[in-house]
């Protein structure tokens, strides 16, 4: 990806390299209790790379249509 993570992020991933899907819970009615932040899943490093590849390809091929904008510093946002 060409990025460097801060030491605290590296330390965290050494302990917690992702989590099970929030939807793979014993009681699907309580799925939100299994998600880490704002009902989102903590992705593994491998999954981060996979997701980045998918979104990067969509961006590069115009698959996002007009649903994004690029800021002057190169960041992409909705």
Protein backbone atom coordinates (compact mmCIF):
# COMPACT_ATOMS: atom_id res chain seq x y z
CA UNK A 1 0.00 0.00 0.00
CA UNK A 2 2.97 2.26 0.40
CA UNK A 3 2.07 3.46 3.89
CA UNK A 4 3.70 3.25 7.29
CA UNK A 5 1.56 2.73 10.35
CA UNK A 6 2.28 4.49 13.66
CA UNK A 7 3.88 2.30 16.34
CA UNK A 8 0.68 2.09 18.39
CA UNK A 9 -1.22 0.74 15.37
CA UNK A 10 1.55 -1.80 14.72
CA UNK A 11 1.45 -2.87 18.37
CA UNK A 12 -2.32 -3.26 18.25
CA UNK A 13 -2.18 -5.39 15.08
CA UNK A 14 0.48 -7.61 16.62
CA UNK A 15 -2.15 -8.49 19.24
CA UNK A 16 -5.40 -8.19 17.26
CA UNK A 17 -4.98 -8.86 13.55
CA UNK A 18 -8.63 -8.38 12.73
CA UNK A 19 -11.74 -10.02 14.12
CA UNK A 20 -14.46 -12.41 13.02
CA UNK A 21 -17.17 -10.89 10.90
CA UNK A 22 -19.71 -8.99 12.97
CA UNK A 23 -22.39 -11.04 11.23
CA UNK A 24 -20.89 -14.42 12.26
CA UNK A 25 -22.31 -14.27 15.77
CA UNK A 26 -24.11 -16.95 17.78
CA UNK A 27 -27.19 -14.73 17.97
CA UNK A 28 -27.66 -12.71 14.80
CA UNK A 29 -29.97 -10.37 16.71
CA UNK A 30 -26.97 -9.19 18.75
CA UNK A 31 -24.49 -8.75 15.88
CA UNK A 32 -23.85 -5.12 16.80
CA UNK A 33 -22.43 -6.24 20.17
CA UNK A 34 -19.63 -8.05 18.34
CA UNK A 35 -18.46 -5.14 16.22
CA UNK A 36 -15.55 -3.03 17.40
CA UNK A 37 -16.22 0.59 16.43
CA UNK A 38 -19.47 2.11 15.19
CA UNK A 39 -20.77 -1.34 14.17
CA UNK A 40 -17.73 -1.91 11.95
CA UNK A 41 -15.42 -4.89 11.77
CA UNK A 42 -11.70 -4.62 12.56
CA UNK A 43 -10.16 -5.93 9.35
CA UNK A 44 -7.06 -8.10 9.29
CA UNK A 45 -4.02 -6.70 7.51
CA UNK A 46 -4.63 -9.11 4.61
CA UNK A 47 -8.24 -7.96 4.35
CA UNK A 48 -7.15 -4.30 4.43
CA UNK A 49 -4.88 -4.99 1.47
CA UNK A 50 -7.67 -6.80 -0.41
CA UNK A 51 -10.20 -4.02 0.25
CA UNK A 52 -7.69 -1.35 -0.76
CA UNK A 53 -7.05 -3.18 -4.05
CA UNK A 54 -10.77 -3.37 -4.86
CA UNK A 55 -11.43 0.30 -4.08
CA UNK A 56 -8.26 1.45 -5.86
CA UNK A 57 -9.29 -0.44 -9.00
CA UNK A 58 -12.77 1.11 -8.87
CA UNK A 59 -11.25 4.56 -8.51
CA UNK A 60 -8.72 4.03 -11.31
CA UNK A 61 -11.30 2.62 -13.76
CA UNK A 62 -13.98 5.21 -13.05
CA UNK A 63 -16.18 2.64 -11.32
CA UNK A 64 -17.05 5.13 -8.59
CA UNK A 65 -18.71 7.47 -11.06
CA UNK A 66 -19.38 10.88 -9.55
CA UNK A 67 -19.56 9.54 -6.00
CA UNK A 68 -16.15 10.80 -4.93
CA UNK A 69 -13.89 13.81 -5.14
CA UNK A 70 -10.13 14.19 -4.94
CA UNK A 71 -8.78 16.89 -2.64
CA UNK A 72 -5.73 19.01 -3.47
CA UNK A 73 -3.55 16.88 -1.20
CA UNK A 74 -4.55 13.73 -3.13
CA UNK A 75 -7.01 12.38 -0.57
CA UNK A 76 -10.24 10.92 -1.91
CA UNK A 77 -13.55 11.46 -0.13
CA UNK A 78 -17.30 11.28 -0.73
